[in-house]
Amino acid sequence: MNIFEGPGAGEARLRYGNSDYSVLRPGVFVRCAVTGERIPLDELKYWSVDRQEPCKDIHASLKREQEMNPGHYGG
């Protein structure tokens, strides 16, 4: 059995805080709000507290910020 099999091995549901998150539904990954890619929980580093959504990396996080706040970034 690998990490993506068995009970609790699906997609987690989290509540994102300023410096950490709380697990609402156990799982081993979340999906990036920008790309839809799986992010293993042990690799999750970027999320928006205001929008309560994860991002796979700093590039996806910046892209989402620009989409949500176009006037802030010259768009």
PDB file of N, CA and C in Angstrom:
ATOM      1  N   MET A   1       0.858  -1.187   0.000  1.00  0.00           N
ATOM      2  CA  MET A   1       0.000   0.000   0.000  1.00  0.00           C
ATOM      3  C   MET A   1       0.896   1.241   0.000  1.00  0.00           C
ATOM      4  N   ASN A   2       0.543   2.218  -0.814  1.00  0.00           N
ATOM      5  CA  ASN A   2       1.325   3.446  -0.833  1.00  0.00           C
ATOM      6  C   ASN A   2       0.581   4.573  -0.122  1.00  0.00           C
ATOM      7  N   ILE A   3       1.181   5.748  -0.106  1.00  0.00           N
ATOM      8  CA  ILE A   3       0.637   6.905   0.625  1.00  0.00           C
ATOM      9  C   ILE A   3      -0.747   7.327   0.133  1.00  0.00           C
ATOM     10  N   PHE A   4      -1.093   7.040  -1.129  1.00  0.00           N
ATOM     11  CA  PHE A   4      -2.375   7.466  -1.680  1.00  0.00           C
ATOM     12  C   PHE A   4      -3.435   6.365  -1.644  1.00  0.00           C
ATOM     13  N   GLU A   5      -3.239   5.344  -0.816  1.00  0.00           N
ATOM     14  CA  GLU A   5      -4.208   4.263  -0.681  1.00  0.00           C
ATOM     15  C   GLU A   5      -4.668   4.149   0.760  1.00  0.00           C
ATOM     16  N   GLY A   6      -5.818   3.535   0.946  1.00  0.00           N
ATOM     17  CA  GLY A   6      -6.304   3.259   2.288  1.00  0.00           C
ATOM     18  C   GLY A   6      -7.131   4.378   2.877  1.00  0.00           C
ATOM     19  N   PRO A   7      -7.680   4.152   4.071  1.00  0.00           N
ATOM     20  CA  PRO A   7      -8.538   5.142   4.730  1.00  0.00           C
ATOM     21  C   PRO A   7      -7.772   6.428   5.040  1.00  0.00           C
ATOM     22  N   GLY A   8      -8.394   7.545   4.797  1.00  0.00           N
ATOM     23  CA  GLY A   8      -7.765   8.831   5.082  1.00  0.00           C
ATOM     24  C   GLY A   8      -6.694   9.222   4.086  1.00  0.00           C
ATOM     25  N   ALA A   9      -6.578   8.481   2.990  1.00  0.00           N
ATOM     26  CA  ALA A   9      -5.519   8.748   2.026  1.00  0.00           C
ATOM     27  C   ALA A   9      -5.969   9.679   0.903  1.00  0.00           C
ATOM     28  N   GLY A  10      -7.178  10.214   0.999  1.00  0.00           N
ATOM     29  CA  GLY A  10      -7.692  11.076  -0.061  1.00  0.00           C
ATOM     30  C   GLY A  10      -7.344  12.529   0.168  1.00  0.00           C
ATOM     31  N   GLU A  11      -8.195  13.372  -0.386  1.00  0.00           N
ATOM     32  CA  GLU A  11      -7.981  14.821  -0.294  1.00  0.00           C
ATOM     33  C   GLU A  11      -8.402  15.324   1.088  1.00  0.00           C
ATOM     34  N   ALA A  12      -7.526  16.088   1.696  1.00  0.00           N
ATOM     35  CA  ALA A  12      -7.799  16.668   3.010  1.00  0.00           C
ATOM     36  C   ALA A  12      -8.614  17.944   2.851  1.00  0.00           C
ATOM     37  N   ARG A  13      -9.290  18.316   3.908  1.00  0.00           N
ATOM     38  CA  ARG A  13      -9.961  19.617   3.964  1.00  0.00           C
ATOM     39  C   ARG A  13      -9.350  20.359   5.146  1.00  0.00           C
ATOM     40  N   LEU A  14      -8.864  21.577   4.887  1.00  0.00           N
ATOM     41  CA  LEU A  14      -8.135  22.324   5.898  1.00  0.00           C
ATOM     42  C   LEU A  14      -8.757  23.688   6.159  1.00  0.00           C
ATOM     43  N   ARG A  15      -8.484  24.236   7.338  1.00  0.00           N
ATOM     44  CA  ARG A  15      -8.777  25.641   7.652  1.00  0.00           C
ATOM     45  C   ARG A  15      -7.417  26.294   7.780  1.00  0.00           C
ATOM     46  N   TYR A  16      -7.182  27.286   6.910  1.00  0.00           N
ATOM     47  CA  TYR A  16      -5.877  27.926   6.820  1.00  0.00           C
ATOM     48  C   TYR A  16      -5.778  29.112   7.773  1.00  0.00           C
ATOM     49  N   GLY A  17      -4.726  29.126   8.577  1.00  0.00           N
ATOM     50  CA  GLY A  17      -4.452  30.224   9.493  1.00  0.00           C
ATOM     51  C   GLY A  17      -3.243  31.011   9.013  1.00  0.00           C
ATOM     52  N   ASN A  18      -2.839  32.008   9.789  1.00  0.00           N
ATOM     53  CA  ASN A  18      -1.718  32.860   9.391  1.00  0.00           C
ATOM     54  C   ASN A  18      -0.390  32.118   9.289  1.00  0.00           C
ATOM     55  N   SER A  19      -0.140  31.172  10.173  1.00  0.00           N
ATOM     56  CA  SER A  19       1.151  30.486  10.138  1.00  0.00           C
ATOM     57  C   SER A  19       1.029  28.965  10.098  1.00  0.00           C
ATOM     58  N   ASP A  20      -0.192  28.456  10.189  1.00  0.00           N
ATOM     59  CA  ASP A  20      -0.395  27.018  10.117  1.00  0.00           C
ATOM     60  C   ASP A  20      -1.830  26.732   9.684  1.00  0.00           C
ATOM     61  N   TYR A  21      -2.184  25.484   9.661  1.00  0.00           N
ATOM     62  CA  TYR A  21      -3.547  25.104   9.273  1.00  0.00           C
ATOM     63  C   TYR A  21      -4.071  24.040  10.226  1.00  0.00           C
ATOM     64  N   SER A  22      -5.388  23.913  10.246  1.00  0.00           N
ATOM     65  CA  SER A  22      -6.065  22.888  11.034  1.00  0.00           C
ATOM     66  C   SER A  22      -6.729  21.917  10.074  1.00  0.00           C
ATOM     67  N   VAL A  23      -6.678  20.660  10.415  1.00  0.00           N
ATOM     68  CA  VAL A  23      -7.280  19.622   9.581  1.00  0.00           C
ATOM     69  C   VAL A  23      -8.752  19.475   9.943  1.00  0.00           C
ATOM     70  N   LEU A  24      -9.628  19.724   8.969  1.00  0.00           N
ATOM     71  CA  LEU A  24     -11.063  19.541   9.151  1.00  0.00           C
ATOM     72  C   LEU A  24     -11.500  18.149   8.699  1.00  0.00           C
ATOM     73  N   ARG A  25     -10.841  17.645   7.655  1.00  0.00           N
ATOM     74  CA  ARG A  25     -11.084  16.283   7.163  1.00  0.00           C
ATOM     75  C   ARG A  25      -9.715  15.689   6.820  1.00  0.00           C
ATOM     76  N   PRO A  26      -9.347  14.583   7.448  1.00  0.00           N
ATOM     77  CA  PRO A  26      -8.029  13.988   7.206  1.00  0.00           C
ATOM     78  C   PRO A  26      -7.834  13.596   5.746  1.00  0.00           C
ATOM     79  N   GLY A  27      -6.598  13.648   5.324  1.00  0.00           N
ATOM     80  CA  GLY A  27      -6.201  13.251   3.987  1.00  0.00           C
ATOM     81  C   GLY A  27      -4.709  13.451   3.853  1.00  0.00           C
ATOM     82  N   VAL A  28      -4.188  13.149   2.682  1.00  0.00           N
ATOM     83  CA  VAL A  28      -2.746  13.268   2.479  1.00  0.00           C
ATOM     84  C   VAL A  28      -2.375  14.384   1.510  1.00  0.00           C
ATOM     85  N   PHE A  29      -3.373  15.014   0.887  1.00  0.00           N
ATOM     86  CA  PHE A  29      -3.078  16.089  -0.062  1.00  0.00           C
ATOM     87  C   PHE A  29      -4.238  17.074  -0.111  1.00  0.00           C
ATOM     88  N   VAL A  30      -3.947  18.255  -0.686  1.00  0.00           N
ATOM     89  CA  VAL A  30      -4.965  19.237  -1.063  1.00  0.00           C
ATOM     90  C   VAL A  30      -4.700  19.587  -2.514  1.00  0.00           C
ATOM     91  N   ARG A  31      -5.648  20.248  -3.153  1.00  0.00           N
ATOM     92  CA  ARG A  31      -5.469  20.635  -4.559  1.00  0.00           C
ATOM     93  C   ARG A  31      -5.171  22.125  -4.663  1.00  0.00           C
ATOM     94  N   CYS A  32      -4.206  22.447  -5.483  1.00  0.00           N
ATOM     95  CA  CYS A  32      -3.848  23.837  -5.736  1.00  0.00           C
ATOM     96  C   CYS A  32      -5.051  24.557  -6.341  1.00  0.00           C
ATOM     97  N   ALA A  33      -5.395  25.711  -5.790  1.00  0.00           N
ATOM     98  CA  ALA A  33      -6.539  26.490  -6.267  1.00  0.00           C
ATOM     99  C   ALA A  33      -6.306  27.057  -7.665  1.00  0.00           C
ATOM    100  N   VAL A  34      -5.060  27.148  -8.089  1.00  0.00           N
ATOM    101  CA  VAL A  34      -4.735  27.721  -9.401  1.00  0.00           C
ATOM    102  C   VAL A  34      -4.588  26.639 -10.460  1.00  0.00           C
ATOM    103  N   THR A  35      -3.819  25.599 -10.159  1.00  0.00           N
ATOM    104  CA  THR A  35      -3.498  24.580 -11.162  1.00  0.00           C
ATOM    105  C   THR A  35      -4.312  23.305 -11.039  1.00  0.00           C
ATOM    106  N   GLY A  36      -4.895  23.060  -9.864  1.00  0.00           N
ATOM    107  CA  GLY A  36      -5.620  21.819  -9.628  1.00  0.00           C
ATOM    108  C   GLY A  36      -4.719  20.643  -9.297  1.00  0.00           C
ATOM    109  N   GLU A  37      -3.409  20.878  -9.236  1.00  0.00           N
ATOM    110  CA  GLU A  37      -2.462  19.808  -8.932  1.00  0.00           C
ATOM    111  C   GLU A  37      -2.550  19.397  -7.465  1.00  0.00           C
ATOM    112  N   ARG A  38      -2.237  18.141  -7.213  1.00  0.00           N
ATOM    113  CA  ARG A  38      -2.177  17.645  -5.841  1.00  0.00           C
ATOM    114  C   ARG A  38      -0.952  18.224  -5.136  1.00  0.00           C
ATOM    115  N   ILE A  39      -1.155  18.644  -3.897  1.00  0.00           N
ATOM    116  CA  ILE A  39      -0.058  19.112  -3.058  1.00  0.00           C
ATOM    117  C   ILE A  39      -0.038  18.218  -1.818  1.00  0.00           C
ATOM    118  N   PRO A  40       0.980  17.369  -1.664  1.00  0.00           N
ATOM    119  CA  PRO A  40       1.066  16.569  -0.440  1.00  0.00           C
ATOM    120  C   PRO A  40       1.128  17.502   0.771  1.00  0.00           C
ATOM    121  N   LEU A  41       0.444  17.150   1.849  1.00  0.00           N
ATOM    122  CA  LEU A  41       0.402  18.030   3.011  1.00  0.00           C
ATOM    123  C   LEU A  41       1.780  18.352   3.555  1.00  0.00           C
ATOM    124  N   ASP A  42       2.717  17.411   3.457  1.00  0.00           N
ATOM    125  CA  ASP A  42       4.057  17.685   3.969  1.00  0.00           C
ATOM    126  C   ASP A  42       4.849  18.638   3.074  1.00  0.00           C
ATOM    127  N   GLU A  43       4.299  19.005   1.917  1.00  0.00           N
ATOM    128  CA  GLU A  43       4.938  19.962   1.021  1.00  0.00           C
ATOM    129  C   GLU A  43       4.171  21.282   0.928  1.00  0.00           C
ATOM    130  N   LEU A  44       3.051  21.388   1.627  1.00  0.00           N
ATOM    131  CA  LEU A  44       2.209  22.586   1.563  1.00  0.00           C
ATOM    132  C   LEU A  44       2.873  23.749   2.296  1.00  0.00           C
ATOM    133  N   LYS A  45       3.149  24.828   1.564  1.00  0.00           N
ATOM    134  CA  LYS A  45       3.807  26.005   2.140  1.00  0.00           C
ATOM    135  C   LYS A  45       3.082  27.308   1.842  1.00  0.00           C
ATOM    136  N   TYR A  46       2.221  27.313   0.828  1.00  0.00           N
ATOM    137  CA  TYR A  46       1.577  28.553   0.387  1.00  0.00           C
ATOM    138  C   TYR A  46       0.067  28.412   0.414  1.00  0.00           C
ATOM    139  N   TRP A  47      -0.599  29.395   1.043  1.00  0.00           N
ATOM    140  CA  TRP A  47      -2.057  29.427   1.057  1.00  0.00           C
ATOM    141  C   TRP A  47      -2.524  30.830   1.359  1.00  0.00           C
ATOM    142  N   SER A  48      -3.787  31.084   1.054  1.00  0.00           N
ATOM    143  CA  SER A  48      -4.408  32.360   1.356  1.00  0.00           C
ATOM    144  C   SER A  48      -5.363  32.170   2.530  1.00  0.00           C
ATOM    145  N   VAL A  49      -5.123  32.915   3.586  1.00  0.00           N
ATOM    146  CA  VAL A  49      -6.017  32.879   4.741  1.00  0.00           C
ATOM    147  C   VAL A  49      -7.357  33.504   4.354  1.00  0.00           C
ATOM    148  N   ASP A  50      -7.320  34.626   3.634  1.00  0.00           N
ATOM    149  CA  ASP A  50      -8.547  35.331   3.252  1.00  0.00           C
ATOM    150  C   ASP A  50      -9.442  34.486   2.346  1.00  0.00           C
ATOM    151  N   ARG A  51      -8.852  33.814   1.375  1.00  0.00           N
ATOM    152  CA  ARG A  51      -9.645  33.011   0.438  1.00  0.00           C
ATOM    153  C   ARG A  51      -9.755  31.550   0.856  1.00  0.00           C
ATOM    154  N   GLN A  52      -8.997  31.143   1.883  1.00  0.00           N
ATOM    155  CA  GLN A  52      -9.007  29.761   2.364  1.00  0.00           C
ATOM    156  C   GLN A  52      -8.727  28.778   1.228  1.00  0.00           C
ATOM    157  N   GLU A  53      -7.588  29.024   0.532  1.00  0.00           N
ATOM    158  CA  GLU A  53      -7.222  28.135  -0.563  1.00  0.00           C
ATOM    159  C   GLU A  53      -5.708  27.942  -0.621  1.00  0.00           C
ATOM    160  N   PRO A  54      -5.276  26.738  -0.988  1.00  0.00           N
ATOM    161  CA  PRO A  54      -3.854  26.434  -1.093  1.00  0.00           C
ATOM    162  C   PRO A  54      -3.306  26.714  -2.494  1.00  0.00           C
ATOM    163  N   CYS A  55      -2.003  26.942  -2.570  1.00  0.00           N
ATOM    164  CA  CYS A  55      -1.305  27.088  -3.843  1.00  0.00           C
ATOM    165  C   CYS A  55      -0.053  26.226  -3.816  1.00  0.00           C
ATOM    166  N   LYS A  56       0.302  25.660  -4.960  1.00  0.00           N
ATOM    167  CA  LYS A  56       1.416  24.710  -5.005  1.00  0.00           C
ATOM    168  C   LYS A  56       2.778  25.360  -4.810  1.00  0.00           C
ATOM    169  N   ASP A  57       2.917  26.639  -5.211  1.00  0.00           N
ATOM    170  CA  ASP A  57       4.201  27.309  -5.041  1.00  0.00           C
ATOM    171  C   ASP A  57       3.991  28.821  -5.080  1.00  0.00           C
ATOM    172  N   ILE A  58       5.083  29.556  -4.940  1.00  0.00           N
ATOM    173  CA  ILE A  58       4.999  31.017  -4.895  1.00  0.00           C
ATOM    174  C   ILE A  58       4.484  31.587  -6.216  1.00  0.00           C
ATOM    175  N   HIS A  59       4.781  30.938  -7.320  1.00  0.00           N
ATOM    176  CA  HIS A  59       4.330  31.423  -8.630  1.00  0.00           C
ATOM    177  C   HIS A  59       2.806  31.318  -8.759  1.00  0.00           C
ATOM    178  N   ALA A  60       2.259  30.192  -8.324  1.00  0.00           N
ATOM    179  CA  ALA A  60       0.802  30.014  -8.350  1.00  0.00           C
ATOM    180  C   ALA A  60       0.134  30.998  -7.387  1.00  0.00           C
ATOM    181  N   SER A  61       0.751  31.206  -6.242  1.00  0.00           N
ATOM    182  CA  SER A  61       0.204  32.135  -5.251  1.00  0.00           C
ATOM    183  C   SER A  61       0.163  33.564  -5.804  1.00  0.00           C
ATOM    184  N   LEU A  62       1.251  33.995  -6.437  1.00  0.00           N
ATOM    185  CA  LEU A  62       1.291  35.335  -7.028  1.00  0.00           C
ATOM    186  C   LEU A  62       0.280  35.465  -8.163  1.00  0.00           C
ATOM    187  N   LYS A  63       0.173  34.437  -8.993  1.00  0.00           N
ATOM    188  CA  LYS A  63      -0.798  34.470 -10.096  1.00  0.00           C
ATOM    189  C   LYS A  63      -2.217  34.668  -9.551  1.00  0.00           C
ATOM    190  N   ARG A  64      -2.559  33.933  -8.488  1.00  0.00           N
ATOM    191  CA  ARG A  64      -3.896  34.054  -7.900  1.00  0.00           C
ATOM    192  C   ARG A  64      -4.107  35.450  -7.321  1.00  0.00           C
ATOM    193  N   GLU A  65      -3.102  35.991  -6.641  1.00  0.00           N
ATOM    194  CA  GLU A  65      -3.203  37.351  -6.099  1.00  0.00           C
ATOM    195  C   GLU A  65      -3.453  38.353  -7.215  1.00  0.00           C
ATOM    196  N   GLN A  66      -2.747  38.208  -8.317  1.00  0.00           N
ATOM    197  CA  GLN A  66      -2.922  39.116  -9.454  1.00  0.00           C
ATOM    198  C   GLN A  66      -4.314  38.976 -10.060  1.00  0.00           C
ATOM    199  N   GLU A  67      -4.831  37.756 -10.134  1.00  0.00           N
ATOM    200  CA  GLU A  67      -6.185  37.538 -10.657  1.00  0.00           C
ATOM    201  C   GLU A  67      -7.236  38.181  -9.756  1.00  0.00           C
ATOM    202  N   MET A  68      -7.044  38.057  -8.463  1.00  0.00           N
ATOM    203  CA  MET A  68      -8.041  38.524  -7.504  1.00  0.00           C
ATOM    204  C   MET A  68      -7.946  40.028  -7.227  1.00  0.00           C
ATOM    205  N   ASN A  69      -6.784  40.608  -7.466  1.00  0.00           N
ATOM    206  CA  ASN A  69      -6.556  42.038  -7.193  1.00  0.00           C
ATOM    207  C   ASN A  69      -5.852  42.707  -8.361  1.00  0.00           C
ATOM    208  N   PRO A  70      -6.464  42.739  -9.551  1.00  0.00           N
ATOM    209  CA  PRO A  70      -5.776  43.247 -10.741  1.00  0.00           C
ATOM    210  C   PRO A  70      -5.335  44.708 -10.629  1.00  0.00           C
ATOM    211  N   GLY A  71      -6.084  45.547  -9.966  1.00  0.00           N
ATOM    212  CA  GLY A  71      -5.701  46.941  -9.835  1.00  0.00           C
ATOM    213  C   GLY A  71      -4.475  47.141  -8.976  1.00  0.00           C
ATOM    214  N   HIS A  72      -4.228  46.195  -8.122  1.00  0.00           N
ATOM    215  CA  HIS A  72      -3.090  46.255  -7.212  1.00  0.00           C
ATOM    216  C   HIS A  72      -1.791  45.976  -7.926  1.00  0.00           C
ATOM    217  N   TYR A  73      -1.861  45.280  -9.057  1.00  0.00           N
ATOM    218  CA  TYR A  73      -0.663  44.840  -9.767  1.00  0.00           C
ATOM    219  C   TYR A  73      -0.582  45.431 -11.174  1.00  0.00           C
ATOM    220  N   GLY A  74      -1.205  46.563 -11.382  1.00  0.00           N
ATOM    221  CA  GLY A  74      -1.122  47.242 -12.662  1.00  0.00           C
ATOM    222  C   GLY A  74      -1.953  46.631 -13.773  1.00  0.00           C
ATOM    223  N   GLY A  75      -2.937  45.785 -13.416  1.00  0.00           N
ATOM    224  CA  GLY A  75      -3.744  45.108 -14.434  1.00  0.00           C
ATOM    225  C   GLY A  75      -4.990  45.839 -14.776  1.00  0.00           C
TER     226      GLY A  75
END
